[in-house]
Amino acid sequence: MTEALFPRLAEALAATDIAEKIALTTKIAAEWKSGKLDWRDTAPIPLLCGRPARPALVTHKEVLQRSPQTPEGRAHLLHAILHIEFTAINLALDHAARFRTMPEQYYADWIGVAAEEAEHFLLLQERLQSLGHEYGDFPAHAGLWEMAEKTENDVLDRMALVPRLLEARGLDATPPIQRKLEAAGDHQSARVLDIILRDEIGHVGLGDRWFRHLCAERNLEPESTYRELLTHYKAPWPQAPMNESARISAGFSPDELAGLAKKR
């Protein structure tokens, strides 16, 4: 006996309590693996993104930057990354719940990503708690989710501009953050980021693979289409220095990276 997948995804996405969202996401992943969830249901379902009342959401420029050499500064830094991981749970759930005409493997991929993002959240939450803080103690920005809203009508645009653009920026940002944490003596947090970087290469790689799959279906050249979408959406151009080895592992070609390294 199977159960429809999409109402379950919508329930997890709408959950505002973090522990509940993580529990629902983990359960979906387990039941998907055991064949209990059916992805062929076509009934329309409204999708709402649930988040807790805290943290307060502000613009990117309003998020305070403090030196990670102090415990308070490291708490701010870890909180910012933790918020990205919370948003990434919702993103993966939304990727799977919103676009209903994709192959079965698409849903398997993003359900798996949602479960991994939940694991990342718990790892970082433990590190933040070790510094005497909880998720929600500091303001955070909503740039990732804003792009999800802008691309909600086209899965090709979503794959290009969320995993392949904004989440790929995390591949670039993580090694410098790790060096700052190491310099401050926070080796445990740096090792957590080792795990996250490894998994995020895979997540960006899935975005790249599905983006290229969709381009092939529509007879579009992927790399020029990607640049056109950056311009169309007025999206942030990838910034140097890029983590070229991680991006190549995730599916970017050396020629594309060379082109993106040039100014818009």
Protein backbone atom coordinates (compact mmCIF):
# COMPACT_ATOMS: atom_id res chain seq x y z
CA MET A 1 0.00 0.00 0.00
CA THR A 2 1.52 3.32 -1.07
CA GLU A 3 0.71 6.89 -0.09
CA ALA A 4 0.82 9.98 -2.31
CA LEU A 5 4.21 11.70 -2.10
CA PHE A 6 3.24 15.30 -2.74
CA PRO A 7 0.92 15.91 0.25
CA ARG A 8 3.70 14.62 2.48
CA LEU A 9 6.24 16.99 0.90
CA ALA A 10 3.80 19.89 1.28
CA GLU A 11 3.29 19.03 4.97
CA ALA A 12 7.04 19.04 5.65
CA LEU A 13 7.53 22.26 3.69
CA ALA A 14 4.74 24.03 5.60
CA ALA A 15 5.96 22.97 9.06
CA THR A 16 7.07 25.98 11.11
CA ASP A 17 8.62 24.04 13.99
CA ILE A 18 12.16 23.05 13.04
CA ALA A 19 12.18 19.74 14.91
CA GLU A 20 8.90 18.78 13.23
CA LYS A 21 10.17 19.79 9.78
CA ILE A 22 13.30 17.69 10.23
CA ALA A 23 11.33 14.70 11.55
CA LEU A 24 8.86 14.86 8.66
CA THR A 25 11.68 15.22 6.12
CA THR A 26 13.61 12.29 7.56
CA LYS A 27 10.48 10.14 7.55
CA ILE A 28 9.71 11.00 3.92
CA ALA A 29 13.24 9.99 2.92
CA ALA A 30 12.97 6.66 4.75
CA GLU A 31 9.53 5.84 3.35
CA TRP A 32 10.58 6.84 -0.17
CA LYS A 33 13.51 4.40 0.03
CA SER A 34 11.19 1.64 1.17
CA GLY A 35 8.79 2.25 -1.74
CA LYS A 36 5.88 3.55 0.35
CA LEU A 37 5.41 6.87 -1.46
CA ASP A 38 3.89 7.27 -4.95
CA TRP A 39 5.17 10.16 -7.09
CA ARG A 40 2.53 9.74 -9.84
CA ASP A 41 -0.29 11.53 -7.98
CA THR A 42 -1.59 14.51 -9.99
CA ALA A 43 -3.95 16.22 -7.52
CA PRO A 44 -3.03 19.91 -7.11
CA ILE A 45 -1.70 20.88 -3.69
CA PRO A 46 -1.05 24.41 -2.39
CA LEU A 47 2.52 24.93 -1.25
CA LEU A 48 3.46 27.17 1.66
CA CYS A 49 6.96 27.55 3.06
CA GLY A 50 6.97 27.34 6.84
CA ARG A 51 9.64 28.86 9.02
CA PRO A 52 9.84 29.74 12.72
CA ALA A 53 9.10 33.24 13.98
CA ARG A 54 12.82 33.73 14.57
CA PRO A 55 15.27 34.61 13.11
CA ALA A 56 14.15 38.00 11.89
CA LEU A 57 14.81 38.31 8.16
CA VAL A 58 16.74 41.34 6.94
CA THR A 59 18.62 42.31 3.80
CA HIS A 60 22.01 40.77 3.16
CA LYS A 61 23.74 44.06 3.98
CA GLU A 62 22.03 44.23 7.38
CA VAL A 63 23.49 40.92 8.58
CA LEU A 64 26.32 41.85 10.94
CA GLN A 65 29.82 40.69 10.08
CA ARG A 66 32.01 40.10 13.12
CA SER A 67 35.47 38.67 13.58
CA PRO A 68 35.39 34.88 14.05
CA GLN A 69 38.37 35.28 16.38
CA THR A 70 35.83 35.87 19.18
CA PRO A 71 33.19 33.36 20.37
CA GLU A 72 30.45 35.89 19.59
CA GLY A 73 31.83 36.43 16.10
CA ARG A 74 31.98 32.68 15.46
CA ALA A 75 28.40 32.39 16.70
CA HIS A 76 27.29 34.99 14.16
CA LEU A 77 29.17 33.17 11.41
CA LEU A 78 27.80 29.74 12.30
CA HIS A 79 24.29 31.16 12.64
CA ALA A 80 24.48 32.57 9.10
CA ILE A 81 25.52 29.16 7.74
CA LEU A 82 22.87 27.42 9.85
CA HIS A 83 20.20 29.65 8.32
CA ILE A 84 21.40 28.68 4.84
CA GLU A 85 21.08 25.00 5.78
CA PHE A 86 17.57 25.56 7.16
CA THR A 87 16.59 27.30 3.94
CA ALA A 88 18.18 24.47 1.97
CA ILE A 89 15.81 21.96 3.60
CA ASN A 90 12.87 24.02 2.38
CA LEU A 91 14.45 24.47 -1.05
CA ALA A 92 14.92 20.75 -1.61
CA LEU A 93 11.39 20.00 -0.42
CA ASP A 94 10.04 22.69 -2.73
CA HIS A 95 12.11 21.45 -5.69
CA ALA A 96 10.44 18.06 -5.25
CA ALA A 97 6.93 19.25 -4.38
CA ARG A 98 6.47 22.03 -6.94
CA PHE A 99 7.47 20.48 -10.24
CA ARG A 100 5.17 17.55 -10.94
CA THR A 101 6.14 16.37 -14.43
CA MET A 102 9.70 15.24 -13.83
CA PRO A 103 11.13 11.69 -13.96
CA GLU A 104 11.04 9.56 -10.82
CA GLN A 105 14.78 10.00 -10.26
CA TYR A 106 14.29 13.77 -9.91
CA TYR A 107 12.14 13.23 -6.83
CA ALA A 108 14.52 10.63 -5.43
CA ASP A 109 17.39 13.09 -5.80
CA TRP A 110 15.77 16.04 -4.05
CA ILE A 111 14.20 13.98 -1.29
CA GLY A 112 17.70 12.70 -0.56
CA VAL A 113 19.08 16.22 -0.59
CA ALA A 114 16.39 17.42 1.86
CA ALA A 115 17.39 14.66 4.29
CA GLU A 116 21.08 15.55 3.99
CA GLU A 117 20.34 19.25 4.55
CA ALA A 118 18.46 18.28 7.71
CA GLU A 119 21.55 16.40 8.89
CA HIS A 120 23.70 19.45 8.15
CA PHE A 121 21.34 21.63 10.17
CA LEU A 122 21.64 19.37 13.21
CA LEU A 123 25.45 19.27 12.99
CA LEU A 124 25.71 23.07 12.81
CA GLN A 125 23.05 23.56 15.46
CA GLU A 126 25.18 21.55 17.87
CA ARG A 127 28.20 23.74 17.10
CA LEU A 128 26.18 26.93 17.61
CA GLN A 129 24.80 25.61 20.89
CA SER A 130 28.36 24.92 22.05
CA LEU A 131 28.86 28.70 21.85
CA GLY A 132 25.78 29.38 23.96
CA HIS A 133 23.40 30.35 21.16
CA GLU A 134 20.36 28.96 19.36
CA TYR A 135 19.06 29.32 15.83
CA GLY A 136 17.07 32.54 15.74
CA ASP A 137 19.32 34.50 18.12
CA PHE A 138 20.58 36.71 15.26
CA PRO A 139 18.93 38.17 12.14
CA ALA A 140 19.37 36.34 8.83
CA HIS A 141 18.78 37.12 5.18
CA ALA A 142 16.35 35.48 2.75
CA GLY A 143 18.21 35.71 -0.57
CA LEU A 144 18.08 31.99 -1.32
CA TRP A 145 14.35 31.74 -0.79
CA GLU A 146 13.65 34.93 -2.74
CA MET A 147 15.24 33.32 -5.80
CA ALA A 148 13.12 30.21 -5.25
CA GLU A 149 10.02 32.40 -5.40
CA LYS A 150 11.22 34.08 -8.60
CA THR A 151 11.75 30.72 -10.31
CA GLU A 152 8.64 28.91 -9.09
CA ASN A 153 7.10 28.69 -12.57
CA ASP A 154 9.92 26.90 -14.41
CA VAL A 155 11.98 23.99 -13.16
CA LEU A 156 14.78 24.78 -15.64
CA ASP A 157 15.16 28.29 -14.23
CA ARG A 158 15.00 26.90 -10.67
CA MET A 159 17.77 24.37 -11.29
CA ALA A 160 19.94 27.04 -12.94
CA LEU A 161 19.55 29.79 -10.39
CA VAL A 162 19.18 28.02 -7.05
CA PRO A 163 21.48 24.97 -6.91
CA ARG A 164 23.66 25.89 -9.88
CA LEU A 165 24.07 29.57 -8.99
CA LEU A 166 23.34 30.44 -5.37
CA GLU A 167 24.19 27.12 -3.77
CA ALA A 168 27.32 26.87 -5.90
CA ARG A 169 28.48 30.09 -4.22
CA GLY A 170 28.69 28.05 -1.04
CA LEU A 171 31.34 25.88 -2.68
CA ASP A 172 33.42 29.02 -3.16
CA ALA A 173 32.77 30.45 0.30
CA THR A 174 33.37 27.35 2.42
CA PRO A 175 37.18 26.95 2.24
CA PRO A 176 37.87 30.59 3.28
CA ILE A 177 35.39 30.20 6.15
CA GLN A 178 37.14 27.01 7.22
CA ARG A 179 40.48 28.82 7.27
CA LYS A 180 38.99 31.52 9.51
CA LEU A 181 37.60 28.92 11.88
CA GLU A 182 40.90 27.05 11.97
CA ALA A 183 42.77 30.29 12.70
CA ALA A 184 40.38 30.89 15.62
CA GLY A 185 41.02 27.37 16.95
CA ASP A 186 37.52 26.09 16.13
CA HIS A 187 38.64 22.88 14.44
CA GLN A 188 35.38 21.06 15.19
CA SER A 189 33.30 23.54 13.20
CA ALA A 190 35.80 23.40 10.34
CA ARG A 191 35.44 19.60 10.24
CA VAL A 192 31.64 19.91 10.13
CA LEU A 193 32.11 22.13 7.09
CA ASP A 194 34.21 19.36 5.51
CA ILE A 195 31.10 17.16 5.58
CA ILE A 196 28.87 19.91 4.29
CA LEU A 197 31.23 20.85 1.44
CA ARG A 198 31.45 17.22 0.34
CA ASP A 199 27.68 16.86 0.26
CA GLU A 200 27.07 20.26 -1.31
CA ILE A 201 29.26 19.37 -4.28
CA GLY A 202 26.78 16.55 -4.86
CA HIS A 203 23.78 18.85 -4.42
CA VAL A 204 25.10 21.40 -6.89
CA GLY A 205 25.92 18.50 -9.18
CA LEU A 206 22.28 17.39 -9.13
CA GLY A 207 21.20 20.91 -10.04
CA ASP A 208 23.69 20.88 -12.88
CA ARG A 209 22.55 17.47 -14.12
CA TRP A 210 18.86 18.34 -14.11
CA PHE A 211 19.54 21.74 -15.67
CA ARG A 212 21.41 20.06 -18.52
CA HIS A 213 18.69 17.40 -18.82
CA LEU A 214 16.03 20.10 -19.20
CA CYS A 215 18.14 22.08 -21.66
CA ALA A 216 18.50 18.95 -23.80
CA GLU A 217 14.73 18.42 -23.74
CA ARG A 218 14.20 22.00 -24.95
CA ASN A 219 17.08 22.00 -27.46
CA LEU A 220 18.95 24.69 -25.53
CA GLU A 221 22.72 25.05 -25.19
CA PRO A 222 23.26 24.86 -21.41
CA GLU A 223 26.12 27.25 -20.77
CA SER A 224 24.86 30.13 -22.91
CA THR A 225 21.35 29.56 -21.51
CA TYR A 226 22.76 29.81 -18.00
CA ARG A 227 24.37 33.17 -18.73
CA GLU A 228 21.16 34.42 -20.34
CA LEU A 229 19.21 33.46 -17.23
CA LEU A 230 21.67 35.32 -15.00
CA THR A 231 21.01 38.44 -17.06
CA HIS A 232 17.25 37.93 -17.36
CA TYR A 233 16.79 37.53 -13.61
CA LYS A 234 19.41 40.18 -12.75
CA ALA A 235 21.01 37.46 -10.65
CA PRO A 236 24.38 37.90 -8.97
CA TRP A 237 27.23 36.90 -11.26
CA PRO A 238 29.56 34.26 -9.76
CA GLN A 239 32.36 36.01 -7.91
CA ALA A 240 36.07 35.23 -8.00
CA PRO A 241 37.85 33.42 -6.60
CA MET A 242 35.75 30.38 -7.44
CA ASN A 243 36.41 26.94 -5.99
CA GLU A 244 37.20 25.53 -9.41
CA SER A 245 37.92 21.96 -8.33
CA ALA A 246 34.62 21.73 -6.44
CA ARG A 247 32.68 23.33 -9.28
CA ILE A 248 34.22 21.00 -11.86
CA SER A 249 33.32 18.04 -9.62
CA ALA A 250 29.75 19.42 -9.60
CA GLY A 251 29.56 19.54 -13.40
CA PHE A 252 30.85 22.94 -14.50
CA SER A 253 33.29 22.79 -17.41
CA PRO A 254 36.68 24.56 -17.28
CA ASP A 255 35.64 26.66 -20.29
CA GLU A 256 32.45 27.76 -18.56
CA LEU A 257 34.32 28.71 -15.40
CA ALA A 258 36.76 30.75 -17.48
CA GLY A 259 33.85 32.60 -19.05
CA LEU A 260 32.15 33.19 -15.70
CA ALA A 261 35.41 34.50 -14.23
CA LYS A 262 35.17 37.44 -16.63
CA LYS A 263 33.07 40.43 -15.64
CA ARG A 264 29.44 40.36 -16.73
